[in-house]
Amino acid sequence: MAQVTAKQAVAALSDFANGAGWNERQEFAELVQDEHRTLQQGIFRLFLLTCQEWAKCEEGQYDLRNEVTVQQSKKILETLGGVYVPLI
């Protein structure tokens, strides 16, 4: 299987998020649960690292379209105390 680049993965996920309805988004979340548990850990780490990048945004670097994303990412990281997730 060919290695997917980060840029390709982001493009595919963006395309999916842009066109997916509620049912498809729910199916995505459910299908991730079927992945190998080590892969689930890696996916979660990826999501947390993405939250970490959003949380770095200062006022003026975001607007109403992604304000909730930035603010909730900051709350998630405050609650968790960081992004450390061991890959076992």
PDB file of N, CA and C in Angstrom:
ATOM      1  N   MET A   1       0.843  -1.174   0.000  1.00  0.00           N
ATOM      2  CA  MET A   1       0.000   0.000   0.000  1.00  0.00           C
ATOM      3  C   MET A   1       0.890   1.239   0.000  1.00  0.00           C
ATOM      4  N   ALA A   2       0.558   2.206  -0.837  1.00  0.00           N
ATOM      5  CA  ALA A   2       1.334   3.435  -0.935  1.00  0.00           C
ATOM      6  C   ALA A   2       1.126   4.298   0.306  1.00  0.00           C
ATOM      7  N   GLN A   3       2.203   4.932   0.741  1.00  0.00           N
ATOM      8  CA  GLN A   3       2.140   5.819   1.906  1.00  0.00           C
ATOM      9  C   GLN A   3       1.405   7.107   1.522  1.00  0.00           C
ATOM     10  N   VAL A   4       0.448   7.501   2.340  1.00  0.00           N
ATOM     11  CA  VAL A   4      -0.303   8.733   2.121  1.00  0.00           C
ATOM     12  C   VAL A   4       0.437   9.863   2.834  1.00  0.00           C
ATOM     13  N   THR A   5       0.610  10.984   2.159  1.00  0.00           N
ATOM     14  CA  THR A   5       1.269  12.122   2.784  1.00  0.00           C
ATOM     15  C   THR A   5       0.284  12.859   3.682  1.00  0.00           C
ATOM     16  N   ALA A   6       0.826  13.662   4.595  1.00  0.00           N
ATOM     17  CA  ALA A   6      -0.024  14.469   5.472  1.00  0.00           C
ATOM     18  C   ALA A   6      -0.923  15.375   4.641  1.00  0.00           C
ATOM     19  N   LYS A   7      -0.371  15.950   3.591  1.00  0.00           N
ATOM     20  CA  LYS A   7      -1.147  16.854   2.735  1.00  0.00           C
ATOM     21  C   LYS A   7      -2.313  16.113   2.069  1.00  0.00           C
ATOM     22  N   GLN A   8      -2.083  14.898   1.615  1.00  0.00           N
ATOM     23  CA  GLN A   8      -3.140  14.096   0.997  1.00  0.00           C
ATOM     24  C   GLN A   8      -4.197  13.708   2.026  1.00  0.00           C
ATOM     25  N   ALA A   9      -3.762  13.356   3.233  1.00  0.00           N
ATOM     26  CA  ALA A   9      -4.702  12.974   4.291  1.00  0.00           C
ATOM     27  C   ALA A   9      -5.585  14.157   4.675  1.00  0.00           C
ATOM     28  N   VAL A  10      -4.984  15.336   4.792  1.00  0.00           N
ATOM     29  CA  VAL A  10      -5.760  16.534   5.135  1.00  0.00           C
ATOM     30  C   VAL A  10      -6.765  16.826   4.026  1.00  0.00           C
ATOM     31  N   ALA A  11      -6.338  16.718   2.780  1.00  0.00           N
ATOM     32  CA  ALA A  11      -7.241  16.984   1.651  1.00  0.00           C
ATOM     33  C   ALA A  11      -8.412  16.002   1.659  1.00  0.00           C
ATOM     34  N   ALA A  12      -8.129  14.718   1.907  1.00  0.00           N
ATOM     35  CA  ALA A  12      -9.192  13.710   1.933  1.00  0.00           C
ATOM     36  C   ALA A  12     -10.152  13.961   3.092  1.00  0.00           C
ATOM     37  N   LEU A  13      -9.621  14.271   4.274  1.00  0.00           N
ATOM     38  CA  LEU A  13     -10.479  14.525   5.432  1.00  0.00           C
ATOM     39  C   LEU A  13     -11.300  15.799   5.229  1.00  0.00           C
ATOM     40  N   SER A  14     -10.682  16.829   4.653  1.00  0.00           N
ATOM     41  CA  SER A  14     -11.409  18.067   4.370  1.00  0.00           C
ATOM     42  C   SER A  14     -12.539  17.826   3.381  1.00  0.00           C
ATOM     43  N   ASP A  15     -12.258  17.056   2.332  1.00  0.00           N
ATOM     44  CA  ASP A  15     -13.298  16.733   1.348  1.00  0.00           C
ATOM     45  C   ASP A  15     -14.442  15.981   2.017  1.00  0.00           C
ATOM     46  N   PHE A  16     -14.093  15.017   2.872  1.00  0.00           N
ATOM     47  CA  PHE A  16     -15.117  14.239   3.564  1.00  0.00           C
ATOM     48  C   PHE A  16     -15.951  15.141   4.472  1.00  0.00           C
ATOM     49  N   ALA A  17     -15.278  15.961   5.291  1.00  0.00           N
ATOM     50  CA  ALA A  17     -15.990  16.836   6.228  1.00  0.00           C
ATOM     51  C   ALA A  17     -16.866  17.843   5.489  1.00  0.00           C
ATOM     52  N   ASN A  18     -16.418  18.298   4.335  1.00  0.00           N
ATOM     53  CA  ASN A  18     -17.165  19.288   3.568  1.00  0.00           C
ATOM     54  C   ASN A  18     -18.443  18.708   2.967  1.00  0.00           C
ATOM     55  N   GLY A  19     -18.404  17.428   2.594  1.00  0.00           N
ATOM     56  CA  GLY A  19     -19.558  16.836   1.919  1.00  0.00           C
ATOM     57  C   GLY A  19     -20.398  15.903   2.763  1.00  0.00           C
ATOM     58  N   ALA A  20     -19.899  15.556   3.941  1.00  0.00           N
ATOM     59  CA  ALA A  20     -20.585  14.559   4.760  1.00  0.00           C
ATOM     60  C   ALA A  20     -21.730  15.171   5.549  1.00  0.00           C
ATOM     61  N   GLY A  21     -22.799  14.436   5.623  1.00  0.00           N
ATOM     62  CA  GLY A  21     -23.912  14.815   6.492  1.00  0.00           C
ATOM     63  C   GLY A  21     -23.714  14.194   7.861  1.00  0.00           C
ATOM     64  N   TRP A  22     -24.710  14.381   8.733  1.00  0.00           N
ATOM     65  CA  TRP A  22     -24.618  13.865  10.099  1.00  0.00           C
ATOM     66  C   TRP A  22     -24.405  12.360  10.122  1.00  0.00           C
ATOM     67  N   ASN A  23     -25.142  11.609   9.299  1.00  0.00           N
ATOM     68  CA  ASN A  23     -25.031  10.147   9.312  1.00  0.00           C
ATOM     69  C   ASN A  23     -23.636   9.682   8.922  1.00  0.00           C
ATOM     70  N   GLU A  24     -23.044  10.335   7.917  1.00  0.00           N
ATOM     71  CA  GLU A  24     -21.695   9.949   7.486  1.00  0.00           C
ATOM     72  C   GLU A  24     -20.651  10.294   8.554  1.00  0.00           C
ATOM     73  N   ARG A  25     -20.841  11.424   9.217  1.00  0.00           N
ATOM     74  CA  ARG A  25     -19.908  11.795  10.287  1.00  0.00           C
ATOM     75  C   ARG A  25     -20.008  10.812  11.448  1.00  0.00           C
ATOM     76  N   GLN A  26     -21.233  10.414  11.780  1.00  0.00           N
ATOM     77  CA  GLN A  26     -21.428   9.426  12.838  1.00  0.00           C
ATOM     78  C   GLN A  26     -20.809   8.095  12.442  1.00  0.00           C
ATOM     79  N   GLU A  27     -20.985   7.701  11.182  1.00  0.00           N
ATOM     80  CA  GLU A  27     -20.398   6.450  10.694  1.00  0.00           C
ATOM     81  C   GLU A  27     -18.874   6.504  10.790  1.00  0.00           C
ATOM     82  N   PHE A  28     -18.286   7.642  10.436  1.00  0.00           N
ATOM     83  CA  PHE A  28     -16.836   7.818  10.555  1.00  0.00           C
ATOM     84  C   PHE A  28     -16.390   7.544  11.991  1.00  0.00           C
ATOM     85  N   ALA A  29     -17.074   8.190  12.950  1.00  0.00           N
ATOM     86  CA  ALA A  29     -16.722   8.027  14.358  1.00  0.00           C
ATOM     87  C   ALA A  29     -16.858   6.571  14.793  1.00  0.00           C
ATOM     88  N   GLU A  30     -17.881   5.893  14.305  1.00  0.00           N
ATOM     89  CA  GLU A  30     -18.083   4.485  14.654  1.00  0.00           C
ATOM     90  C   GLU A  30     -17.032   3.595  14.002  1.00  0.00           C
ATOM     91  N   LEU A  31     -16.682   3.875  12.755  1.00  0.00           N
ATOM     92  CA  LEU A  31     -15.698   3.047  12.051  1.00  0.00           C
ATOM     93  C   LEU A  31     -14.303   3.168  12.662  1.00  0.00           C
ATOM     94  N   VAL A  32     -13.982   4.322  13.205  1.00  0.00           N
ATOM     95  CA  VAL A  32     -12.688   4.480  13.872  1.00  0.00           C
ATOM     96  C   VAL A  32     -12.596   3.485  15.035  1.00  0.00           C
ATOM     97  N   GLN A  33     -13.735   3.196  15.674  1.00  0.00           N
ATOM     98  CA  GLN A  33     -13.754   2.251  16.791  1.00  0.00           C
ATOM     99  C   GLN A  33     -13.407   0.827  16.356  1.00  0.00           C
ATOM    100  N   ASP A  34     -13.535   0.551  15.066  1.00  0.00           N
ATOM    101  CA  ASP A  34     -13.223  -0.782  14.547  1.00  0.00           C
ATOM    102  C   ASP A  34     -11.740  -0.949  14.199  1.00  0.00           C
ATOM    103  N   GLU A  35     -11.010   0.155  14.239  1.00  0.00           N
ATOM    104  CA  GLU A  35      -9.578   0.084  13.941  1.00  0.00           C
ATOM    105  C   GLU A  35      -8.851  -0.608  15.093  1.00  0.00           C
ATOM    106  N   HIS A  36      -7.662  -1.111  14.795  1.00  0.00           N
ATOM    107  CA  HIS A  36      -6.827  -1.739  15.815  1.00  0.00           C
ATOM    108  C   HIS A  36      -6.637  -0.757  16.968  1.00  0.00           C
ATOM    109  N   ARG A  37      -6.591  -1.256  18.175  1.00  0.00           N
ATOM    110  CA  ARG A  37      -6.529  -0.376  19.354  1.00  0.00           C
ATOM    111  C   ARG A  37      -5.292   0.517  19.358  1.00  0.00           C
ATOM    112  N   THR A  38      -4.166   0.004  18.851  1.00  0.00           N
ATOM    113  CA  THR A  38      -2.973   0.838  18.752  1.00  0.00           C
ATOM    114  C   THR A  38      -3.208   1.960  17.752  1.00  0.00           C
ATOM    115  N   LEU A  39      -3.904   1.665  16.658  1.00  0.00           N
ATOM    116  CA  LEU A  39      -4.227   2.700  15.675  1.00  0.00           C
ATOM    117  C   LEU A  39      -5.196   3.721  16.260  1.00  0.00           C
ATOM    118  N   GLN A  40      -6.142   3.261  17.074  1.00  0.00           N
ATOM    119  CA  GLN A  40      -7.048   4.202  17.740  1.00  0.00           C
ATOM    120  C   GLN A  40      -6.252   5.184  18.596  1.00  0.00           C
ATOM    121  N   GLN A  41      -5.246   4.678  19.297  1.00  0.00           N
ATOM    122  CA  GLN A  41      -4.403   5.531  20.130  1.00  0.00           C
ATOM    123  C   GLN A  41      -3.670   6.558  19.258  1.00  0.00           C
ATOM    124  N   GLY A  42      -3.152   6.110  18.119  1.00  0.00           N
ATOM    125  CA  GLY A  42      -2.466   7.018  17.207  1.00  0.00           C
ATOM    126  C   GLY A  42      -3.399   8.054  16.603  1.00  0.00           C
ATOM    127  N   ILE A  43      -4.616   7.654  16.283  1.00  0.00           N
ATOM    128  CA  ILE A  43      -5.608   8.588  15.739  1.00  0.00           C
ATOM    129  C   ILE A  43      -5.978   9.623  16.788  1.00  0.00           C
ATOM    130  N   PHE A  44      -6.165   9.174  18.017  1.00  0.00           N
ATOM    131  CA  PHE A  44      -6.488  10.104  19.101  1.00  0.00           C
ATOM    132  C   PHE A  44      -5.354  11.103  19.308  1.00  0.00           C
ATOM    133  N   ARG A  45      -4.123  10.616  19.272  1.00  0.00           N
ATOM    134  CA  ARG A  45      -2.965  11.500  19.406  1.00  0.00           C
ATOM    135  C   ARG A  45      -2.976  12.544  18.279  1.00  0.00           C
ATOM    136  N   LEU A  46      -3.290  12.111  17.080  1.00  0.00           N
ATOM    137  CA  LEU A  46      -3.369  13.027  15.938  1.00  0.00           C
ATOM    138  C   LEU A  46      -4.434  14.095  16.172  1.00  0.00           C
ATOM    139  N   PHE A  47      -5.595  13.687  16.668  1.00  0.00           N
ATOM    140  CA  PHE A  47      -6.664  14.645  16.963  1.00  0.00           C
ATOM    141  C   PHE A  47      -6.218  15.643  18.043  1.00  0.00           C
ATOM    142  N   LEU A  48      -5.542  15.150  19.072  1.00  0.00           N
ATOM    143  CA  LEU A  48      -5.079  16.051  20.131  1.00  0.00           C
ATOM    144  C   LEU A  48      -4.001  17.016  19.628  1.00  0.00           C
ATOM    145  N   LEU A  49      -3.106  16.534  18.778  1.00  0.00           N
ATOM    146  CA  LEU A  49      -2.099  17.427  18.207  1.00  0.00           C
ATOM    147  C   LEU A  49      -2.752  18.502  17.346  1.00  0.00           C
ATOM    148  N   THR A  50      -3.826  18.129  16.662  1.00  0.00           N
ATOM    149  CA  THR A  50      -4.568  19.107  15.866  1.00  0.00           C
ATOM    150  C   THR A  50      -5.212  20.131  16.791  1.00  0.00           C
ATOM    151  N   CYS A  51      -5.783  19.669  17.904  1.00  0.00           N
ATOM    152  CA  CYS A  51      -6.343  20.600  18.897  1.00  0.00           C
ATOM    153  C   CYS A  51      -5.257  21.525  19.425  1.00  0.00           C
ATOM    154  N   GLN A  52      -4.064  20.993  19.639  1.00  0.00           N
ATOM    155  CA  GLN A  52      -2.966  21.814  20.127  1.00  0.00           C
ATOM    156  C   GLN A  52      -2.653  22.947  19.143  1.00  0.00           C
ATOM    157  N   GLU A  53      -2.676  22.664  17.865  1.00  0.00           N
ATOM    158  CA  GLU A  53      -2.415  23.699  16.865  1.00  0.00           C
ATOM    159  C   GLU A  53      -3.526  24.745  16.851  1.00  0.00           C
ATOM    160  N   TRP A  54      -4.780  24.307  16.936  1.00  0.00           N
ATOM    161  CA  TRP A  54      -5.896  25.258  16.999  1.00  0.00           C
ATOM    162  C   TRP A  54      -5.792  26.125  18.245  1.00  0.00           C
ATOM    163  N   ALA A  55      -5.402  25.515  19.348  1.00  0.00           N
ATOM    164  CA  ALA A  55      -5.330  26.242  20.615  1.00  0.00           C
ATOM    165  C   ALA A  55      -4.261  27.331  20.598  1.00  0.00           C
ATOM    166  N   LYS A  56      -3.308  27.232  19.710  1.00  0.00           N
ATOM    167  CA  LYS A  56      -2.255  28.248  19.606  1.00  0.00           C
ATOM    168  C   LYS A  56      -2.761  29.547  18.973  1.00  0.00           C
ATOM    169  N   CYS A  57      -3.912  29.493  18.325  1.00  0.00           N
ATOM    170  CA  CYS A  57      -4.437  30.673  17.645  1.00  0.00           C
ATOM    171  C   CYS A  57      -4.770  31.762  18.657  1.00  0.00           C
ATOM    172  N   GLU A  58      -4.308  32.936  18.374  1.00  0.00           N
ATOM    173  CA  GLU A  58      -4.613  34.099  19.194  1.00  0.00           C
ATOM    174  C   GLU A  58      -5.777  34.852  18.558  1.00  0.00           C
ATOM    175  N   GLU A  59      -6.421  35.701  19.335  1.00  0.00           N
ATOM    176  CA  GLU A  59      -7.516  36.500  18.802  1.00  0.00           C
ATOM    177  C   GLU A  59      -7.012  37.281  17.593  1.00  0.00           C
ATOM    178  N   GLY A  60      -7.793  37.300  16.554  1.00  0.00           N
ATOM    179  CA  GLY A  60      -7.397  37.933  15.303  1.00  0.00           C
ATOM    180  C   GLY A  60      -6.876  36.921  14.291  1.00  0.00           C
ATOM    181  N   GLN A  61      -6.513  35.719  14.759  1.00  0.00           N
ATOM    182  CA  GLN A  61      -6.064  34.653  13.867  1.00  0.00           C
ATOM    183  C   GLN A  61      -7.208  33.697  13.518  1.00  0.00           C
ATOM    184  N   TYR A  62      -8.377  33.951  14.075  1.00  0.00           N
ATOM    185  CA  TYR A  62      -9.555  33.149  13.776  1.00  0.00           C
ATOM    186  C   TYR A  62     -10.753  34.077  13.718  1.00  0.00           C
ATOM    187  N   ASP A  63     -11.852  33.561  13.195  1.00  0.00           N
ATOM    188  CA  ASP A  63     -13.075  34.371  13.131  1.00  0.00           C
ATOM    189  C   ASP A  63     -14.258  33.493  13.527  1.00  0.00           C
ATOM    190  N   LEU A  64     -15.464  33.967  13.305  1.00  0.00           N
ATOM    191  CA  LEU A  64     -16.654  33.232  13.745  1.00  0.00           C
ATOM    192  C   LEU A  64     -16.767  31.837  13.133  1.00  0.00           C
ATOM    193  N   ARG A  65     -16.150  31.618  11.976  1.00  0.00           N
ATOM    194  CA  ARG A  65     -16.262  30.309  11.320  1.00  0.00           C
ATOM    195  C   ARG A  65     -15.523  29.217  12.081  1.00  0.00           C
ATOM    196  N   ASN A  66     -14.451  29.567  12.789  1.00  0.00           N
ATOM    197  CA  ASN A  66     -13.726  28.537  13.538  1.00  0.00           C
ATOM    198  C   ASN A  66     -13.451  28.933  14.993  1.00  0.00           C
ATOM    199  N   GLU A  67     -14.161  29.934  15.479  1.00  0.00           N
ATOM    200  CA  GLU A  67     -13.971  30.391  16.863  1.00  0.00           C
ATOM    201  C   GLU A  67     -14.255  29.280  17.870  1.00  0.00           C
ATOM    202  N   VAL A  68     -15.331  28.547  17.679  1.00  0.00           N
ATOM    203  CA  VAL A  68     -15.673  27.468  18.615  1.00  0.00           C
ATOM    204  C   VAL A  68     -14.585  26.392  18.594  1.00  0.00           C
ATOM    205  N   THR A  69     -14.064  26.088  17.430  1.00  0.00           N
ATOM    206  CA  THR A  69     -12.993  25.098  17.316  1.00  0.00           C
ATOM    207  C   THR A  69     -11.782  25.520  18.143  1.00  0.00           C
ATOM    208  N   VAL A  70     -11.374  26.763  18.001  1.00  0.00           N
ATOM    209  CA  VAL A  70     -10.210  27.271  18.733  1.00  0.00           C
ATOM    210  C   VAL A  70     -10.488  27.276  20.235  1.00  0.00           C
ATOM    211  N   GLN A  71     -11.623  27.811  20.646  1.00  0.00           N
ATOM    212  CA  GLN A  71     -11.937  27.910  22.069  1.00  0.00           C
ATOM    213  C   GLN A  71     -12.108  26.534  22.721  1.00  0.00           C
ATOM    214  N   GLN A  72     -12.785  25.618  22.041  1.00  0.00           N
ATOM    215  CA  GLN A  72     -12.975  24.277  22.597  1.00  0.00           C
ATOM    216  C   GLN A  72     -11.653  23.506  22.642  1.00  0.00           C
ATOM    217  N   SER A  73     -10.798  23.729  21.658  1.00  0.00           N
ATOM    218  CA  SER A  73      -9.478  23.085  21.680  1.00  0.00           C
ATOM    219  C   SER A  73      -8.689  23.540  22.897  1.00  0.00           C
ATOM    220  N   LYS A  74      -8.761  24.825  23.207  1.00  0.00           N
ATOM    221  CA  LYS A  74      -8.074  25.337  24.396  1.00  0.00           C
ATOM    222  C   LYS A  74      -8.627  24.683  25.660  1.00  0.00           C
ATOM    223  N   LYS A  75      -9.947  24.528  25.741  1.00  0.00           N
ATOM    224  CA  LYS A  75     -10.567  23.897  26.916  1.00  0.00           C
ATOM    225  C   LYS A  75     -10.182  22.425  27.025  1.00  0.00           C
ATOM    226  N   ILE A  76     -10.158  21.733  25.897  1.00  0.00           N
ATOM    227  CA  ILE A  76      -9.772  20.312  25.897  1.00  0.00           C
ATOM    228  C   ILE A  76      -8.364  20.157  26.456  1.00  0.00           C
ATOM    229  N   LEU A  77      -7.441  20.975  25.970  1.00  0.00           N
ATOM    230  CA  LEU A  77      -6.058  20.858  26.418  1.00  0.00           C
ATOM    231  C   LEU A  77      -5.895  21.271  27.878  1.00  0.00           C
ATOM    232  N   GLU A  78      -6.646  22.281  28.313  1.00  0.00           N
ATOM    233  CA  GLU A  78      -6.610  22.667  29.732  1.00  0.00           C
ATOM    234  C   GLU A  78      -7.088  21.509  30.596  1.00  0.00           C
ATOM    235  N   THR A  79      -8.174  20.875  30.185  1.00  0.00           N
ATOM    236  CA  THR A  79      -8.749  19.770  30.942  1.00  0.00           C
ATOM    237  C   THR A  79      -7.792  18.584  31.011  1.00  0.00           C
ATOM    238  N   LEU A  80      -7.162  18.271  29.880  1.00  0.00           N
ATOM    239  CA  LEU A  80      -6.271  17.110  29.819  1.00  0.00           C
ATOM    240  C   LEU A  80      -4.875  17.407  30.331  1.00  0.00           C
ATOM    241  N   GLY A  81      -4.532  18.670  30.401  1.00  0.00           N
ATOM    242  CA  GLY A  81      -3.198  19.029  30.864  1.00  0.00           C
ATOM    243  C   GLY A  81      -2.125  18.818  29.810  1.00  0.00           C
ATOM    244  N   GLY A  82      -2.498  18.790  28.555  1.00  0.00           N
ATOM    245  CA  GLY A  82      -1.512  18.621  27.492  1.00  0.00           C
ATOM    246  C   GLY A  82      -1.965  17.623  26.449  1.00  0.00           C
ATOM    247  N   VAL A  83      -1.008  17.148  25.657  1.00  0.00           N
ATOM    248  CA  VAL A  83      -1.344  16.247  24.555  1.00  0.00           C
ATOM    249  C   VAL A  83      -0.629  14.910  24.635  1.00  0.00           C
ATOM    250  N   TYR A  84       0.016  14.607  25.749  1.00  0.00           N
ATOM    251  CA  TYR A  84       0.759  13.347  25.828  1.00  0.00           C
ATOM    252  C   TYR A  84      -0.190  12.152  25.788  1.00  0.00           C
ATOM    253  N   VAL A  85       0.006  11.322  24.792  1.00  0.00           N
ATOM    254  CA  VAL A  85      -0.729  10.062  24.672  1.00  0.00           C
ATOM    255  C   VAL A  85       0.310   9.008  24.276  1.00  0.00           C
ATOM    256  N   PRO A  86       0.610   8.079  25.164  1.00  0.00           N
ATOM    257  CA  PRO A  86       1.639   7.090  24.825  1.00  0.00           C
ATOM    258  C   PRO A  86       1.171   6.193  23.693  1.00  0.00           C
ATOM    259  N   LEU A  87       2.087   5.837  22.823  1.00  0.00           N
ATOM    260  CA  LEU A  87       1.785   4.877  21.771  1.00  0.00           C
ATOM    261  C   LEU A  87       2.362   3.540  22.205  1.00  0.00           C
ATOM    262  N   ILE A  88       1.473   2.667  22.639  1.00  0.00           N
ATOM    263  CA  ILE A  88       1.884   1.385  23.218  1.00  0.00           C
ATOM    264  C   ILE A  88       1.782   0.304  22.162  1.00  0.00           C
TER     265      ILE A  88
END
